Amino acid sequence: MTDPFYRRTLTRLLDEGVASIDDRIVVVCGGPVDRDTLVDSGFTNVVITNLDERMVGDWGLVHAGLHHCASPHRALGELLRVGRRGAIAFEARDSLLVRAGVRLGLVEEYEVTAVAANGGDFGGVRNGPVPNHVYRWTEREVCKTVRSLLPAHEHDIQFLYGVRVPTERLGEGWRGALGRTAAKAAPVVEKVTPRQGNEFAFVVRKNVRPQPWLRDC
């Protein structure tokens, strides 16, 4: 099973020359979706693992995993550490539409359904039984975090967006009807106001240039 936004993002990075199918990829918080999507995208040198001191590749990659960590910012720091060239992360964006969805009960603030789907034993914070808070990012927060973690260099950070409405989880009733209406409007939202979508990817090419005040030393 592949993820369409995941696949589109990897294809775009390959087309733009940001990444190569020969790059070594270290995937954290990984699973079958990562395997299938990376295989379909043409990558062959991939390790799917949890964070490990022995694992260092060209890119650290995580798909919908940072928000399951007790400290998402620290997890991003580890991802940047194991990726020689940088990190690729797929997470939710903290947009106005998503916040409205939380208030209406259309979007989860804590991932209760993920734990329930695993019999109450897994799927929460640190993959445990306690539902995790769905930590959603903004562009500014990503930039500040990366600059704080790696202050000696300037970094190139690219953002990509998508919209996916969880119609199956919303079920029937007024929530389901609203969800189906939102799904029909999703292509328009993605084209007109992409940053209001709930799918969000950021690509950090780290250590691109030394800071000016280091170059002048």
N, C-alpha and C. Protein backbone atom coordinates (compact mmCIF):
# COMPACT_ATOMS: atom_id res chain seq x y z
N MET A 1 0.85 -1.19 0.00
CA MET A 1 0.00 0.00 0.00
C MET A 1 0.88 1.24 0.00
N THR A 2 0.65 2.13 -0.94
CA THR A 2 1.42 3.36 -1.03
C THR A 2 0.58 4.55 -0.61
N ASP A 3 1.25 5.65 -0.27
CA ASP A 3 0.59 6.90 0.08
C ASP A 3 0.77 7.87 -1.08
N PRO A 4 -0.33 8.39 -1.67
CA PRO A 4 -0.20 9.22 -2.87
C PRO A 4 0.64 10.49 -2.66
N PHE A 5 0.41 11.21 -1.56
CA PHE A 5 1.17 12.43 -1.30
C PHE A 5 2.64 12.11 -1.08
N TYR A 6 2.89 11.06 -0.35
CA TYR A 6 4.25 10.55 -0.11
C TYR A 6 4.94 10.29 -1.45
N ARG A 7 4.27 9.55 -2.32
CA ARG A 7 4.82 9.18 -3.62
C ARG A 7 5.05 10.42 -4.48
N ARG A 8 4.08 11.35 -4.52
CA ARG A 8 4.23 12.56 -5.33
C ARG A 8 5.42 13.38 -4.87
N THR A 9 5.60 13.45 -3.56
CA THR A 9 6.71 14.23 -3.02
C THR A 9 8.05 13.62 -3.40
N LEU A 10 8.19 12.31 -3.26
CA LEU A 10 9.44 11.66 -3.62
C LEU A 10 9.71 11.80 -5.12
N THR A 11 8.67 11.67 -5.94
CA THR A 11 8.83 11.83 -7.38
C THR A 11 9.30 13.23 -7.72
N ARG A 12 8.74 14.21 -7.06
CA ARG A 12 9.14 15.60 -7.31
C ARG A 12 10.60 15.83 -6.91
N LEU A 13 11.01 15.28 -5.77
CA LEU A 13 12.40 15.44 -5.34
C LEU A 13 13.36 14.78 -6.32
N LEU A 14 12.97 13.65 -6.88
CA LEU A 14 13.79 12.99 -7.89
C LEU A 14 13.84 13.81 -9.18
N ASP A 15 12.69 14.32 -9.60
CA ASP A 15 12.62 15.10 -10.84
C ASP A 15 13.44 16.39 -10.73
N GLU A 16 13.44 16.99 -9.53
CA GLU A 16 14.17 18.25 -9.34
C GLU A 16 15.65 18.03 -9.04
N GLY A 17 16.06 16.78 -8.93
CA GLY A 17 17.46 16.51 -8.66
C GLY A 17 17.88 16.69 -7.22
N VAL A 18 16.92 16.88 -6.34
CA VAL A 18 17.23 17.01 -4.92
C VAL A 18 17.74 15.68 -4.38
N ALA A 19 17.07 14.61 -4.77
CA ALA A 19 17.45 13.27 -4.34
C ALA A 19 17.69 12.39 -5.57
N SER A 20 18.39 11.29 -5.36
CA SER A 20 18.67 10.32 -6.43
C SER A 20 18.24 8.94 -5.96
N ILE A 21 17.85 8.09 -6.89
CA ILE A 21 17.42 6.74 -6.50
C ILE A 21 18.59 5.93 -5.94
N ASP A 22 19.80 6.43 -6.15
CA ASP A 22 20.98 5.75 -5.60
C ASP A 22 21.32 6.21 -4.18
N ASP A 23 20.63 7.26 -3.70
CA ASP A 23 20.89 7.76 -2.35
C ASP A 23 20.56 6.69 -1.31
N ARG A 24 21.31 6.68 -0.24
CA ARG A 24 21.02 5.79 0.88
C ARG A 24 19.96 6.44 1.77
N ILE A 25 18.89 5.73 2.03
CA ILE A 25 17.77 6.26 2.80
C ILE A 25 17.65 5.49 4.11
N VAL A 26 17.60 6.22 5.23
CA VAL A 26 17.34 5.62 6.54
C VAL A 26 15.95 6.08 6.98
N VAL A 27 15.00 5.17 7.04
CA VAL A 27 13.63 5.48 7.43
C VAL A 27 13.43 5.16 8.90
N VAL A 28 12.90 6.12 9.66
CA VAL A 28 12.58 5.87 11.06
C VAL A 28 11.06 5.82 11.23
N CYS A 29 10.61 5.17 12.29
CA CYS A 29 9.17 4.99 12.53
C CYS A 29 8.51 4.37 11.30
N GLY A 30 9.24 3.47 10.63
CA GLY A 30 8.81 2.98 9.34
C GLY A 30 7.89 1.78 9.39
N GLY A 31 7.35 1.41 8.22
CA GLY A 31 6.45 0.28 8.10
C GLY A 31 6.17 -0.04 6.66
N PRO A 32 5.13 -0.83 6.38
CA PRO A 32 4.83 -1.27 5.02
C PRO A 32 4.57 -0.13 4.03
N VAL A 33 3.94 0.96 4.50
CA VAL A 33 3.67 2.08 3.59
C VAL A 33 4.99 2.68 3.09
N ASP A 34 5.96 2.82 4.00
CA ASP A 34 7.27 3.33 3.59
C ASP A 34 7.92 2.40 2.57
N ARG A 35 7.91 1.11 2.88
CA ARG A 35 8.52 0.13 1.99
C ARG A 35 7.91 0.19 0.60
N ASP A 36 6.58 0.13 0.53
CA ASP A 36 5.91 0.08 -0.76
C ASP A 36 6.10 1.38 -1.54
N THR A 37 6.01 2.52 -0.85
CA THR A 37 6.13 3.80 -1.53
C THR A 37 7.55 4.03 -2.05
N LEU A 38 8.55 3.68 -1.26
CA LEU A 38 9.93 3.85 -1.69
C LEU A 38 10.28 2.90 -2.84
N VAL A 39 9.78 1.68 -2.77
CA VAL A 39 10.02 0.74 -3.86
C VAL A 39 9.37 1.24 -5.14
N ASP A 40 8.12 1.69 -5.06
CA ASP A 40 7.42 2.19 -6.24
C ASP A 40 8.09 3.44 -6.81
N SER A 41 8.78 4.21 -5.94
CA SER A 41 9.45 5.43 -6.38
C SER A 41 10.83 5.13 -6.98
N GLY A 42 11.30 3.89 -6.85
CA GLY A 42 12.55 3.50 -7.49
C GLY A 42 13.75 3.44 -6.57
N PHE A 43 13.59 3.75 -5.29
CA PHE A 43 14.71 3.68 -4.37
C PHE A 43 15.05 2.22 -4.06
N THR A 44 16.33 1.92 -3.98
CA THR A 44 16.75 0.55 -3.73
C THR A 44 17.63 0.40 -2.51
N ASN A 45 18.30 1.48 -2.09
CA ASN A 45 19.23 1.41 -0.97
C ASN A 45 18.57 2.00 0.27
N VAL A 46 17.66 1.25 0.86
CA VAL A 46 16.80 1.75 1.94
C VAL A 46 16.90 0.85 3.17
N VAL A 47 17.05 1.47 4.33
CA VAL A 47 16.98 0.75 5.61
C VAL A 47 15.79 1.32 6.38
N ILE A 48 14.85 0.45 6.76
CA ILE A 48 13.69 0.86 7.54
C ILE A 48 13.92 0.40 8.96
N THR A 49 13.99 1.36 9.88
CA THR A 49 14.43 1.05 11.23
C THR A 49 13.90 2.08 12.21
N ASN A 50 14.17 1.84 13.48
CA ASN A 50 14.04 2.89 14.48
C ASN A 50 15.39 3.61 14.56
N LEU A 51 15.43 4.73 15.28
CA LEU A 51 16.68 5.46 15.40
C LEU A 51 17.74 4.59 16.05
N ASP A 52 18.94 4.59 15.48
CA ASP A 52 20.01 3.71 15.95
C ASP A 52 21.34 4.40 15.69
N GLU A 53 22.23 4.38 16.65
CA GLU A 53 23.53 5.03 16.52
C GLU A 53 24.32 4.49 15.32
N ARG A 54 24.06 3.24 14.90
CA ARG A 54 24.84 2.64 13.82
C ARG A 54 24.35 3.04 12.45
N MET A 55 23.15 3.64 12.37
CA MET A 55 22.55 3.92 11.08
C MET A 55 22.82 5.35 10.64
N VAL A 56 23.61 5.51 9.59
CA VAL A 56 23.86 6.82 9.00
C VAL A 56 23.73 6.67 7.49
N GLY A 57 22.87 7.47 6.86
CA GLY A 57 22.69 7.41 5.42
C GLY A 57 22.76 8.79 4.82
N ASP A 58 22.39 8.90 3.53
CA ASP A 58 22.36 10.21 2.90
C ASP A 58 21.18 11.04 3.41
N TRP A 59 20.05 10.37 3.56
CA TRP A 59 18.83 11.05 4.01
C TRP A 59 18.20 10.30 5.17
N GLY A 60 17.73 11.04 6.17
CA GLY A 60 16.86 10.48 7.18
C GLY A 60 15.42 10.77 6.76
N LEU A 61 14.54 9.78 6.83
CA LEU A 61 13.17 9.96 6.35
C LEU A 61 12.18 9.45 7.37
N VAL A 62 11.12 10.22 7.59
CA VAL A 62 10.05 9.78 8.48
C VAL A 62 8.71 10.16 7.87
N HIS A 63 7.78 9.23 7.90
CA HIS A 63 6.43 9.47 7.36
C HIS A 63 5.42 9.27 8.49
N ALA A 64 4.81 10.38 8.93
CA ALA A 64 3.78 10.34 9.97
C ALA A 64 4.28 9.65 11.23
N GLY A 65 5.51 9.99 11.64
CA GLY A 65 6.08 9.37 12.82
C GLY A 65 6.52 10.34 13.90
N LEU A 66 6.89 11.57 13.52
CA LEU A 66 7.39 12.52 14.53
C LEU A 66 6.36 12.80 15.61
N HIS A 67 5.08 12.84 15.23
CA HIS A 67 4.05 13.18 16.22
C HIS A 67 3.77 12.04 17.19
N HIS A 68 4.36 10.88 16.95
CA HIS A 68 4.26 9.77 17.91
C HIS A 68 5.40 9.80 18.93
N CYS A 69 6.34 10.71 18.75
CA CYS A 69 7.48 10.82 19.66
C CYS A 69 7.14 11.73 20.83
N ALA A 70 7.72 11.44 21.98
CA ALA A 70 7.47 12.28 23.16
C ALA A 70 7.99 13.69 22.95
N SER A 71 9.04 13.84 22.16
CA SER A 71 9.58 15.15 21.82
C SER A 71 9.80 15.21 20.31
N PRO A 72 8.82 15.71 19.55
CA PRO A 72 8.97 15.75 18.09
C PRO A 72 10.19 16.54 17.63
N HIS A 73 10.52 17.62 18.34
CA HIS A 73 11.68 18.42 17.94
C HIS A 73 12.99 17.64 18.13
N ARG A 74 13.07 16.92 19.22
CA ARG A 74 14.26 16.10 19.45
C ARG A 74 14.36 14.99 18.41
N ALA A 75 13.21 14.42 18.05
CA ALA A 75 13.21 13.38 17.02
C ALA A 75 13.68 13.93 15.68
N LEU A 76 13.26 15.16 15.34
CA LEU A 76 13.74 15.78 14.11
C LEU A 76 15.26 15.98 14.17
N GLY A 77 15.76 16.35 15.35
CA GLY A 77 17.19 16.49 15.52
C GLY A 77 17.94 15.19 15.27
N GLU A 78 17.39 14.07 15.74
CA GLU A 78 18.00 12.77 15.50
C GLU A 78 17.95 12.40 14.02
N LEU A 79 16.85 12.76 13.38
CA LEU A 79 16.72 12.49 11.95
C LEU A 79 17.79 13.25 11.17
N LEU A 80 18.03 14.50 11.55
CA LEU A 80 19.07 15.29 10.88
C LEU A 80 20.45 14.74 11.19
N ARG A 81 20.60 14.15 12.36
CA ARG A 81 21.91 13.60 12.72
C ARG A 81 22.26 12.39 11.85
N VAL A 82 21.28 11.51 11.63
CA VAL A 82 21.58 10.28 10.88
C VAL A 82 21.58 10.50 9.38
N GLY A 83 21.04 11.61 8.91
CA GLY A 83 21.04 11.91 7.48
C GLY A 83 22.22 12.81 7.12
N ARG A 84 23.16 12.30 6.35
CA ARG A 84 24.34 13.08 6.00
C ARG A 84 23.97 14.31 5.18
N ARG A 85 23.07 14.12 4.21
CA ARG A 85 22.65 15.24 3.37
C ARG A 85 21.48 16.01 3.96
N GLY A 86 20.66 15.34 4.76
CA GLY A 86 19.54 16.05 5.35
C GLY A 86 18.41 15.13 5.75
N ALA A 87 17.21 15.69 5.84
CA ALA A 87 16.05 14.95 6.33
C ALA A 87 14.82 15.25 5.47
N ILE A 88 13.96 14.24 5.34
CA ILE A 88 12.68 14.38 4.66
C ILE A 88 11.60 13.93 5.64
N ALA A 89 10.66 14.80 5.94
CA ALA A 89 9.63 14.49 6.93
C ALA A 89 8.25 14.76 6.38
N PHE A 90 7.32 13.85 6.66
CA PHE A 90 5.91 13.99 6.30
C PHE A 90 5.13 14.07 7.60
N GLU A 91 4.50 15.21 7.85
CA GLU A 91 3.71 15.40 9.06
C GLU A 91 2.49 16.24 8.74
N ALA A 92 1.67 16.50 9.73
CA ALA A 92 0.50 17.36 9.54
C ALA A 92 0.90 18.82 9.72
N ARG A 93 0.22 19.71 9.00
CA ARG A 93 0.47 21.15 9.13
C ARG A 93 -0.56 21.77 10.06
N ASP A 94 -0.11 22.72 10.85
CA ASP A 94 -0.99 23.42 11.79
C ASP A 94 -1.67 24.59 11.08
N SER A 95 -2.67 24.28 10.26
CA SER A 95 -3.36 25.30 9.47
C SER A 95 -4.66 25.71 10.13
N LEU A 96 -5.23 26.80 9.64
CA LEU A 96 -6.51 27.28 10.17
C LEU A 96 -7.63 26.28 9.91
N LEU A 97 -7.63 25.65 8.73
CA LEU A 97 -8.67 24.68 8.41
C LEU A 97 -8.56 23.44 9.30
N VAL A 98 -7.34 23.01 9.58
CA VAL A 98 -7.16 21.85 10.45
C VAL A 98 -7.61 22.18 11.87
N ARG A 99 -7.30 23.36 12.34
CA ARG A 99 -7.75 23.76 13.68
C ARG A 99 -9.28 23.79 13.75
N ALA A 100 -9.89 24.27 12.68
CA ALA A 100 -11.35 24.28 12.64
C ALA A 100 -11.89 22.86 12.67
N GLY A 101 -11.20 21.96 11.95
CA GLY A 101 -11.61 20.56 11.95
C GLY A 101 -11.53 19.92 13.32
N VAL A 102 -10.51 20.30 14.09
CA VAL A 102 -10.37 19.80 15.47
C VAL A 102 -11.55 20.27 16.31
N ARG A 103 -11.88 21.54 16.18
CA ARG A 103 -13.00 22.10 16.96
C ARG A 103 -14.33 21.43 16.62
N LEU A 104 -14.50 21.06 15.36
CA LEU A 104 -15.75 20.44 14.92
C LEU A 104 -15.77 18.93 15.18
N GLY A 105 -14.67 18.40 15.65
CA GLY A 105 -14.60 16.96 15.89
C GLY A 105 -14.34 16.15 14.64
N LEU A 106 -13.93 16.82 13.55
CA LEU A 106 -13.64 16.11 12.31
C LEU A 106 -12.20 15.60 12.27
N VAL A 107 -11.36 16.23 13.04
CA VAL A 107 -9.93 15.88 13.08
C VAL A 107 -9.54 15.63 14.53
N GLU A 108 -8.75 14.61 14.75
CA GLU A 108 -8.36 14.25 16.11
C GLU A 108 -7.27 15.18 16.65
N GLU A 109 -7.40 15.52 17.92
CA GLU A 109 -6.32 16.22 18.62
C GLU A 109 -5.37 15.21 19.26
N TYR A 110 -5.93 14.09 19.72
CA TYR A 110 -5.16 12.95 20.22
C TYR A 110 -5.56 11.73 19.40
N GLU A 111 -4.59 10.90 19.03
CA GLU A 111 -4.87 9.78 18.13
C GLU A 111 -5.48 8.59 18.87
N VAL A 112 -6.71 8.77 19.28
CA VAL A 112 -7.43 7.73 20.00
C VAL A 112 -7.73 6.56 19.07
N THR A 113 -8.11 6.85 17.83
CA THR A 113 -8.50 5.79 16.92
C THR A 113 -7.31 4.87 16.57
N ALA A 114 -6.10 5.44 16.53
CA ALA A 114 -4.93 4.62 16.21
C ALA A 114 -4.69 3.58 17.30
N VAL A 115 -4.85 3.97 18.55
CA VAL A 115 -4.68 3.04 19.66
C VAL A 115 -5.82 2.02 19.68
N ALA A 116 -7.04 2.50 19.44
CA ALA A 116 -8.20 1.61 19.42
C ALA A 116 -8.06 0.54 18.33
N ALA A 117 -7.49 0.93 17.19
CA ALA A 117 -7.32 -0.01 16.09
C ALA A 117 -6.29 -1.09 16.41
N ASN A 118 -5.46 -0.84 17.43
CA ASN A 118 -4.45 -1.81 17.85
C ASN A 118 -4.81 -2.46 19.19
N GLY A 119 -6.10 -2.53 19.45
CA GLY A 119 -6.58 -3.21 20.64
C GLY A 119 -6.24 -2.52 21.94
N GLY A 120 -5.90 -1.23 21.88
CA GLY A 120 -5.57 -0.48 23.08
C GLY A 120 -4.15 -0.71 23.58
N ASP A 121 -3.33 -1.39 22.79
CA ASP A 121 -1.98 -1.74 23.23
C ASP A 121 -0.88 -0.93 22.54
N PHE A 122 -1.09 -0.52 21.30
CA PHE A 122 -0.06 0.15 20.50
C PHE A 122 -0.65 1.32 19.74
N GLY A 123 0.24 2.06 19.08
CA GLY A 123 -0.21 3.11 18.18
C GLY A 123 -0.25 4.50 18.77
N GLY A 124 0.13 4.65 20.05
CA GLY A 124 0.10 5.95 20.68
C GLY A 124 1.48 6.56 20.80
N VAL A 125 1.68 7.35 21.84
CA VAL A 125 2.98 7.98 22.04
C VAL A 125 4.03 6.91 22.26
N ARG A 126 5.16 7.03 21.55
CA ARG A 126 6.22 6.02 21.55
C ARG A 126 5.68 4.63 21.20
N ASN A 127 4.64 4.62 20.38
CA ASN A 127 3.97 3.40 19.94
C ASN A 127 3.39 2.60 21.11
N GLY A 128 3.06 3.30 22.19
CA GLY A 128 2.49 2.65 23.36
C GLY A 128 0.97 2.78 23.41
N PRO A 129 0.36 2.49 24.58
CA PRO A 129 -1.10 2.46 24.68
C PRO A 129 -1.75 3.82 24.95
N VAL A 130 -0.94 4.85 25.25
CA VAL A 130 -1.50 6.17 25.53
C VAL A 130 -1.60 6.97 24.22
N PRO A 131 -2.81 7.40 23.83
CA PRO A 131 -2.94 8.16 22.58
C PRO A 131 -2.06 9.40 22.59
N ASN A 132 -1.32 9.59 21.51
CA ASN A 132 -0.41 10.73 21.42
C ASN A 132 -1.13 11.96 20.93
N HIS A 133 -0.64 13.12 21.38
CA HIS A 133 -1.08 14.39 20.82
C HIS A 133 -0.58 14.48 19.39
N VAL A 134 -1.44 14.90 18.47
CA VAL A 134 -1.04 15.02 17.07
C VAL A 134 -0.33 16.36 16.90
N TYR A 135 1.00 16.31 17.00
CA TYR A 135 1.78 17.54 16.91
C TYR A 135 1.85 17.98 15.46
N ARG A 136 1.33 19.17 15.18
CA ARG A 136 1.30 19.71 13.82
C ARG A 136 2.28 20.88 13.70
N TRP A 137 2.94 20.95 12.56
CA TRP A 137 4.03 21.90 12.36
C TRP A 137 3.62 23.08 11.49
N THR A 138 4.39 24.16 11.58
CA THR A 138 4.32 25.26 10.64
C THR A 138 5.69 25.43 10.00
N GLU A 139 5.73 26.14 8.90
CA GLU A 139 7.00 26.38 8.22
C GLU A 139 7.98 27.11 9.14
N ARG A 140 7.48 28.12 9.81
CA ARG A 140 8.35 28.92 10.70
C ARG A 140 8.94 28.05 11.81
N GLU A 141 8.14 27.15 12.33
CA GLU A 141 8.62 26.29 13.41
C GLU A 141 9.70 25.33 12.92
N VAL A 142 9.52 24.81 11.71
CA VAL A 142 10.54 23.93 11.15
C VAL A 142 11.86 24.69 11.00
N CYS A 143 11.78 25.89 10.43
CA CYS A 143 12.98 26.69 10.22
C CYS A 143 13.68 27.01 11.54
N LYS A 144 12.93 27.42 12.54
CA LYS A 144 13.54 27.77 13.83
C LYS A 144 14.19 26.56 14.48
N THR A 145 13.52 25.41 14.36
CA THR A 145 14.07 24.20 14.97
C THR A 145 15.38 23.79 14.30
N VAL A 146 15.40 23.80 12.98
CA VAL A 146 16.61 23.41 12.25
C VAL A 146 17.75 24.37 12.54
N ARG A 147 17.45 25.66 12.55
CA ARG A 147 18.50 26.65 12.80
C ARG A 147 19.04 26.55 14.22
N SER A 148 18.17 26.19 15.16
CA SER A 148 18.62 26.04 16.55
C SER A 148 19.48 24.79 16.71
N LEU A 149 19.12 23.72 16.00
CA LEU A 149 19.85 22.46 16.12
C LEU A 149 21.20 22.52 15.41
N LEU A 150 21.23 23.24 14.27
CA LEU A 150 22.44 23.28 13.43
C LEU A 150 22.78 24.73 13.12
N PRO A 151 23.29 25.49 14.09
CA PRO A 151 23.46 26.93 13.91
C PRO A 151 24.69 27.34 13.10
N ALA A 152 25.62 26.43 12.85
CA ALA A 152 26.87 26.81 12.20
C ALA A 152 26.73 27.00 10.69
N HIS A 153 25.62 26.51 10.10
CA HIS A 153 25.45 26.57 8.65
C HIS A 153 24.08 27.13 8.28
N GLU A 154 23.98 27.56 7.02
CA GLU A 154 22.69 27.87 6.43
C GLU A 154 22.17 26.61 5.75
N HIS A 155 20.84 26.45 5.73
CA HIS A 155 20.23 25.23 5.21
C HIS A 155 19.15 25.58 4.20
N ASP A 156 18.98 24.73 3.20
CA ASP A 156 17.89 24.89 2.25
C ASP A 156 16.71 24.04 2.72
N ILE A 157 15.56 24.68 2.92
CA ILE A 157 14.38 23.97 3.41
C ILE A 157 13.24 24.17 2.41
N GLN A 158 12.71 23.06 1.93
CA GLN A 158 11.64 23.07 0.94
C GLN A 158 10.37 22.52 1.55
N PHE A 159 9.22 23.14 1.24
CA PHE A 159 7.94 22.71 1.78
C PHE A 159 7.01 22.28 0.65
N LEU A 160 6.27 21.19 0.90
CA LEU A 160 5.31 20.69 -0.08
C LEU A 160 3.99 20.40 0.65
N TYR A 161 2.88 20.47 -0.11
CA TYR A 161 1.57 20.44 0.53
C TYR A 161 0.60 19.50 -0.20
N GLY A 162 -0.39 19.03 0.54
CA GLY A 162 -1.45 18.21 -0.03
C GLY A 162 -2.67 18.25 0.86
N VAL A 163 -3.77 17.71 0.36
CA VAL A 163 -5.03 17.66 1.11
C VAL A 163 -5.56 16.23 1.07
N ARG A 164 -5.89 15.70 2.25
CA ARG A 164 -6.51 14.38 2.33
C ARG A 164 -7.57 14.41 3.42
N VAL A 165 -8.80 14.11 3.07
CA VAL A 165 -9.91 14.12 4.02
C VAL A 165 -10.17 12.69 4.50
N PRO A 166 -10.15 12.44 5.82
CA PRO A 166 -10.34 11.08 6.35
C PRO A 166 -11.80 10.66 6.35
N THR A 167 -12.37 10.49 5.15
CA THR A 167 -13.80 10.22 5.04
C THR A 167 -14.20 8.89 5.69
N GLU A 168 -13.34 7.88 5.61
CA GLU A 168 -13.70 6.58 6.20
C GLU A 168 -13.82 6.68 7.71
N ARG A 169 -12.91 7.43 8.33
CA ARG A 169 -12.94 7.53 9.79
C ARG A 169 -14.14 8.34 10.27
N LEU A 170 -14.63 9.27 9.44
CA LEU A 170 -15.74 10.13 9.86
C LEU A 170 -17.07 9.38 9.85
N GLY A 171 -17.15 8.29 9.10
CA GLY A 171 -18.35 7.47 9.12
C GLY A 171 -19.55 8.15 8.48
N GLU A 172 -20.74 7.89 9.05
CA GLU A 172 -21.97 8.46 8.52
C GLU A 172 -22.39 9.66 9.35
N GLY A 173 -23.64 10.08 9.22
CA GLY A 173 -24.13 11.22 9.98
C GLY A 173 -23.60 12.53 9.42
N TRP A 174 -23.77 13.61 10.22
CA TRP A 174 -23.38 14.93 9.73
C TRP A 174 -21.88 15.05 9.53
N ARG A 175 -21.09 14.36 10.36
CA ARG A 175 -19.64 14.42 10.18
C ARG A 175 -19.23 13.77 8.86
N GLY A 176 -19.83 12.62 8.57
CA GLY A 176 -19.53 11.95 7.31
C GLY A 176 -19.95 12.78 6.11
N ALA A 177 -21.12 13.40 6.19
CA ALA A 177 -21.60 14.23 5.09
C ALA A 177 -20.68 15.43 4.87
N LEU A 178 -20.27 16.05 5.98
CA LEU A 178 -19.36 17.19 5.87
C LEU A 178 -18.01 16.75 5.32
N GLY A 179 -17.57 15.57 5.75
CA GLY A 179 -16.30 15.06 5.25
C GLY A 179 -16.34 14.79 3.75
N ARG A 180 -17.44 14.21 3.27
CA ARG A 180 -17.56 13.93 1.84
C ARG A 180 -17.60 15.22 1.03
N THR A 181 -18.25 16.25 1.58
CA THR A 181 -18.27 17.55 0.91
C THR A 181 -16.87 18.14 0.87
N ALA A 182 -16.15 18.02 1.98
CA ALA A 182 -14.78 18.54 2.04
C ALA A 182 -13.87 17.80 1.06
N ALA A 183 -14.08 16.49 0.91
CA ALA A 183 -13.26 15.71 -0.02
C ALA A 183 -13.45 16.19 -1.46
N LYS A 184 -14.67 16.57 -1.81
CA LYS A 184 -14.93 17.09 -3.15
C LYS A 184 -14.23 18.43 -3.36
N ALA A 185 -14.14 19.21 -2.28
CA ALA A 185 -13.51 20.53 -2.38
C ALA A 185 -11.99 20.47 -2.26
N ALA A 186 -11.46 19.30 -1.86
CA ALA A 186 -10.02 19.17 -1.60
C ALA A 186 -9.14 19.57 -2.77
N PRO A 187 -9.45 19.16 -4.02
CA PRO A 187 -8.58 19.58 -5.13
C PRO A 187 -8.52 21.09 -5.31
N VAL A 188 -9.63 21.77 -5.04
CA VAL A 188 -9.65 23.23 -5.15
C VAL A 188 -8.80 23.86 -4.06
N VAL A 189 -8.95 23.35 -2.83
CA VAL A 189 -8.15 23.86 -1.71
C VAL A 189 -6.67 23.66 -1.98
N GLU A 190 -6.33 22.47 -2.49
CA GLU A 190 -4.93 22.15 -2.75
C GLU A 190 -4.33 23.08 -3.80
N LYS A 191 -5.16 23.51 -4.76
CA LYS A 191 -4.66 24.37 -5.83
C LYS A 191 -4.66 25.84 -5.44
N VAL A 192 -5.70 26.29 -4.75
CA VAL A 192 -5.86 27.72 -4.46
C VAL A 192 -5.14 28.12 -3.18
N THR A 193 -5.33 27.34 -2.12
CA THR A 193 -4.69 27.66 -0.83
C THR A 193 -4.00 26.41 -0.30
N PRO A 194 -2.92 25.98 -0.93
CA PRO A 194 -2.29 24.71 -0.56
C PRO A 194 -1.84 24.65 0.89
N ARG A 195 -1.48 25.77 1.47
CA ARG A 195 -0.97 25.75 2.84
C ARG A 195 -2.06 25.50 3.87
N GLN A 196 -3.32 25.49 3.43
CA GLN A 196 -4.41 25.16 4.36
C GLN A 196 -4.70 23.66 4.39
N GLY A 197 -3.98 22.89 3.61
CA GLY A 197 -4.18 21.45 3.61
C GLY A 197 -3.61 20.80 4.86
N ASN A 198 -3.94 19.53 5.03
CA ASN A 198 -3.48 18.81 6.22
C ASN A 198 -2.26 17.95 5.95
N GLU A 199 -1.89 17.78 4.68
CA GLU A 199 -0.68 17.02 4.36
C GLU A 199 0.47 17.99 4.13
N PHE A 200 1.60 17.68 4.74
CA PHE A 200 2.70 18.63 4.80
C PHE A 200 4.01 17.85 4.77
N ALA A 201 4.91 18.26 3.91
CA ALA A 201 6.23 17.63 3.88
C ALA A 201 7.29 18.72 3.91
N PHE A 202 8.38 18.46 4.61
CA PHE A 202 9.49 19.40 4.56
C PHE A 202 10.79 18.64 4.33
N VAL A 203 11.60 19.21 3.44
CA VAL A 203 12.86 18.62 3.03
C VAL A 203 13.97 19.56 3.46
N VAL A 204 14.85 19.08 4.30
CA VAL A 204 15.95 19.90 4.82
C VAL A 204 17.26 19.43 4.22
N ARG A 205 17.84 20.25 3.35
CA ARG A 205 19.20 19.99 2.86
C ARG A 205 20.13 20.77 3.79
N LYS A 206 20.82 20.04 4.62
CA LYS A 206 21.54 20.69 5.71
C LYS A 206 22.97 21.05 5.32
N ASN A 207 23.52 22.02 6.08
CA ASN A 207 24.92 22.44 5.96
C ASN A 207 25.27 22.86 4.54
N VAL A 208 24.37 23.63 3.90
CA VAL A 208 24.60 24.05 2.52
C VAL A 208 25.73 25.07 2.43
N ARG A 209 25.72 26.04 3.36
CA ARG A 209 26.75 27.08 3.38
C ARG A 209 27.09 27.42 4.82
N PRO A 210 28.38 27.66 5.12
CA PRO A 210 28.72 28.16 6.46
C PRO A 210 28.07 29.52 6.68
N GLN A 211 27.74 29.82 7.91
CA GLN A 211 27.19 31.13 8.22
C GLN A 211 28.19 32.23 7.83
N PRO A 212 27.69 33.41 7.38
CA PRO A 212 28.61 34.49 6.96
C PRO A 212 29.63 34.84 8.02
N TRP A 213 29.22 34.84 9.27
CA TRP A 213 30.14 35.23 10.30
C TRP A 213 31.19 34.15 10.57
N LEU A 214 30.98 32.93 10.06
CA LEU A 214 32.01 31.90 10.11
C LEU A 214 32.91 31.98 8.88
N ARG A 215 32.32 32.33 7.71
CA ARG A 215 33.11 32.46 6.49
C ARG A 215 34.12 33.58 6.61
N ASP A 216 33.77 34.62 7.37
CA ASP A 216 34.64 35.79 7.50
C ASP A 216 35.73 35.61 8.53
N CYS A 217 35.67 34.50 9.30
CA CYS A 217 36.66 34.30 10.34
C CYS A 217 38.00 33.82 9.75
